[in-house]
Structure formats: C-alpha cells, structure tokens
Amino acid sequence: MKTYMAKPESVERKWYVLDADGLVLGRMASQVAAILRGKNKPTYTPHVDTGDFVIIINADKAVLTGKKLDDKVYQYHTGYIGGLKTIKYRDLMAKKPEFAVYEAVRRMLPKGRLGRKMIRKLRIYAGPEHNHQAQKPEVLELKY
C-alpha cells in the first residue's frame, strides 16, 4: 500500500471565518494553527502547505484566563544594546489586539519558509467587519 503525498498544485483551499468573541486566546490559536497547517484534512502532508484560509473577527474580544492579562508579557528586542522591551498583555490587547492574536498563532506554526507561507493565509480584524465576502467564507466552530 502506498502512502498518499499531496502535491502543492492539487490542494483545494477553503475560507473560514471565526468570531473570537469570548474565546480563550491560546485554545483558539492552537486550533487555528492546525487549520492553517491543514491537519484537519485527510490529505495532510507535513512538507506541503495543505491548509485553509482563516479570517478572525472580533480579535479585541478574545479572553486570557487567570491572571495572564497582568502576569504574561510580550518581549522583543530592538537590536540595540539594552534594547529588551516588555509589554504586559493587558496593554497589548488594548492597543494592538490583532498583533496579540497574530503572535499567538504564528508561534504555534513551524519555523522556516513553510511556516511563513502558512501564516500568510491568516487575516485578523479587531472589529466585526471584514472585507473577504467575495471568498464566501464558512463559519468556523471550534471544538472546545
């Protein structure tokens, strides 16, 4: 019996829209990362991008459980000496909620050129409106 390996030109992609209102950030991000990778399809192949497009709306209404809003921090380095910057997630979710969701999903995808190709299929909006009606996205219900 031969193992099926998907070819990049034979992949059929769908569009999904996900309302993040009241969803826990990490749980949502892990399931979105699996859809972007294509792990929800029977044609999943590890070295081929078989995933679907995902549109996340209401990113500003995503929830962090426990004391994570005050305890969890996002860190980045400017590249200069002593340039380590930290931002609490309470401030990050208030100022740039799209970026907080983007980073949560991006860090769950593979590193390298395949992961960079997968993250381009993610669209995030802070409010309830998006401009992808022409793609006819299906409503995505998460499993948790």
Protein backbone atom coordinates (compact mmCIF):
# COMPACT_ATOMS: atom_id res chain seq x y z
CA MET A 1 0.00 0.00 0.00
CA LYS A 2 1.36 3.41 -0.95
CA THR A 3 1.24 6.48 1.25
CA TYR A 4 -0.59 9.46 -0.23
CA MET A 5 1.52 12.60 -0.59
CA ALA A 6 -0.28 15.80 -1.57
CA LYS A 7 1.14 17.92 -4.36
CA PRO A 8 1.10 21.72 -3.93
CA GLU A 9 -0.87 22.20 -7.17
CA SER A 10 -3.60 19.72 -6.17
CA VAL A 11 -4.50 21.36 -2.84
CA GLU A 12 -8.02 22.81 -2.61
CA ARG A 13 -8.33 25.65 -0.13
CA LYS A 14 -11.43 26.85 1.70
CA TRP A 15 -12.06 30.08 3.57
CA TYR A 16 -13.27 30.09 7.17
CA VAL A 17 -14.40 32.98 9.36
CA LEU A 18 -14.03 32.71 13.13
CA ASP A 19 -15.63 35.01 15.69
CA ALA A 20 -13.15 35.35 18.58
CA ASP A 21 -15.70 36.95 20.92
CA GLY A 22 -15.30 35.25 24.31
CA LEU A 23 -12.82 32.61 23.07
CA VAL A 24 -9.67 31.84 25.05
CA LEU A 25 -6.66 33.13 23.12
CA GLY A 26 -4.37 30.10 23.39
CA ARG A 27 -7.01 27.46 22.71
CA MET A 28 -8.25 29.41 19.71
CA ALA A 29 -4.72 29.95 18.39
CA SER A 30 -3.82 26.25 18.57
CA GLN A 31 -6.88 25.21 16.56
CA VAL A 32 -6.39 27.99 14.01
CA ALA A 33 -2.74 26.94 13.61
CA ALA A 34 -3.87 23.36 12.92
CA ILE A 35 -6.28 24.58 10.22
CA LEU A 36 -3.57 26.77 8.64
CA ARG A 37 -1.28 23.71 8.52
CA GLY A 38 -4.01 21.51 7.07
CA LYS A 39 -4.10 18.99 9.92
CA ASN A 40 -7.91 18.94 9.79
CA LYS A 41 -7.83 17.37 6.30
CA PRO A 42 -7.26 13.74 5.37
CA THR A 43 -4.77 14.90 2.71
CA TYR A 44 -2.39 16.41 5.30
CA THR A 45 1.22 16.15 4.23
CA PRO A 46 3.91 17.53 6.58
CA HIS A 47 6.15 19.07 3.91
CA VAL A 48 3.32 20.64 1.83
CA ASP A 49 1.15 23.60 2.77
CA THR A 50 -2.30 21.95 2.60
CA GLY A 51 -4.06 24.40 4.94
CA ASP A 52 -7.05 26.67 4.51
CA PHE A 53 -7.52 30.43 4.86
CA VAL A 54 -8.81 31.72 8.22
CA ILE A 55 -10.38 35.12 8.94
CA ILE A 56 -10.58 36.06 12.63
CA ILE A 57 -13.02 38.83 13.57
CA ASN A 58 -13.56 40.48 16.97
CA ALA A 59 -9.93 39.87 17.98
CA ASP A 60 -10.26 42.59 20.61
CA LYS A 61 -12.80 40.43 22.48
CA ALA A 62 -10.51 37.39 22.88
CA VAL A 63 -10.02 36.36 26.52
CA LEU A 64 -6.99 35.39 28.57
CA THR A 65 -7.75 33.21 31.61
CA GLY A 66 -6.49 33.60 35.15
CA LYS A 67 -4.09 36.45 35.86
CA LYS A 68 -2.46 36.31 32.43
CA LEU A 69 -3.55 39.84 31.49
CA ASP A 70 -1.29 41.21 34.23
CA ASP A 71 1.37 38.48 34.55
CA LYS A 72 2.03 37.47 30.93
CA VAL A 73 4.35 39.75 28.97
CA TYR A 74 5.31 40.07 25.32
CA GLN A 75 9.06 40.59 24.91
CA TYR A 76 11.02 41.81 21.92
CA HIS A 77 14.47 43.23 21.32
CA THR A 78 15.17 46.39 19.35
CA GLY A 79 18.61 45.22 18.24
CA TYR A 80 20.46 47.85 20.27
CA ILE A 81 22.40 47.22 23.45
CA GLY A 82 19.98 47.04 26.40
CA GLY A 83 17.06 47.11 24.00
CA LEU A 84 14.88 44.40 25.56
CA LYS A 85 11.30 45.69 25.68
CA THR A 86 8.40 44.13 27.57
CA ILE A 87 4.68 44.85 27.28
CA LYS A 88 2.00 43.37 29.53
CA TYR A 89 -0.79 41.63 27.68
CA ARG A 90 -3.37 43.98 29.21
CA ASP A 91 -1.73 46.86 27.34
CA LEU A 92 -1.09 44.78 24.21
CA MET A 93 -4.72 43.65 23.99
CA ALA A 94 -5.88 47.24 24.49
CA LYS A 95 -3.56 48.78 21.87
CA LYS A 96 -2.98 46.03 19.26
CA PRO A 97 -5.30 43.03 19.73
CA GLU A 98 -4.68 41.86 16.14
CA PHE A 99 -0.97 41.58 16.86
CA ALA A 100 -1.54 39.58 20.06
CA VAL A 101 -3.67 37.03 18.18
CA TYR A 102 -1.23 37.00 15.24
CA GLU A 103 1.73 36.24 17.50
CA ALA A 104 -0.16 33.51 19.36
CA VAL A 105 -0.92 31.73 16.08
CA ARG A 106 2.48 32.39 14.45
CA ARG A 107 4.40 30.87 17.34
CA MET A 108 2.37 27.64 17.01
CA LEU A 109 3.28 27.17 13.35
CA PRO A 110 6.51 25.57 12.10
CA LYS A 111 9.54 27.78 11.90
CA GLY A 112 11.10 28.34 8.48
CA ARG A 113 9.84 29.05 4.99
CA LEU A 114 6.87 26.67 5.20
CA GLY A 115 5.60 28.37 8.38
CA ARG A 116 5.98 31.79 6.78
CA LYS A 117 3.92 30.57 3.84
CA MET A 118 1.21 29.27 6.18
CA ILE A 119 0.88 32.45 8.27
CA ARG A 120 0.09 34.46 5.11
CA LYS A 121 -3.28 32.68 4.95
CA LEU A 122 -4.39 34.30 8.23
CA ARG A 123 -6.43 37.54 8.29
CA ILE A 124 -7.21 39.22 11.62
CA TYR A 125 -9.61 42.10 12.33
CA ALA A 126 -10.27 43.80 15.67
CA GLY A 127 -13.90 44.54 14.87
CA PRO A 128 -16.80 42.51 13.48
CA GLU A 129 -16.31 43.60 9.83
CA HIS A 130 -14.03 42.04 7.22
CA ASN A 131 -13.65 42.61 3.50
CA HIS A 132 -13.49 38.99 2.27
CA GLN A 133 -17.15 38.40 1.42
CA ALA A 134 -16.20 37.59 -2.20
CA GLN A 135 -14.43 34.42 -1.00
CA LYS A 136 -17.68 33.16 0.62
CA PRO A 137 -16.11 32.07 3.93
CA GLU A 138 -17.79 29.38 6.02
CA VAL A 139 -18.41 29.96 9.72
CA LEU A 140 -15.89 28.01 11.79
CA GLU A 141 -16.97 26.45 15.08
CA LEU A 142 -14.16 25.41 17.41
CA LYS A 143 -14.22 22.08 19.21
CA TYR A 144 -13.57 23.02 22.84
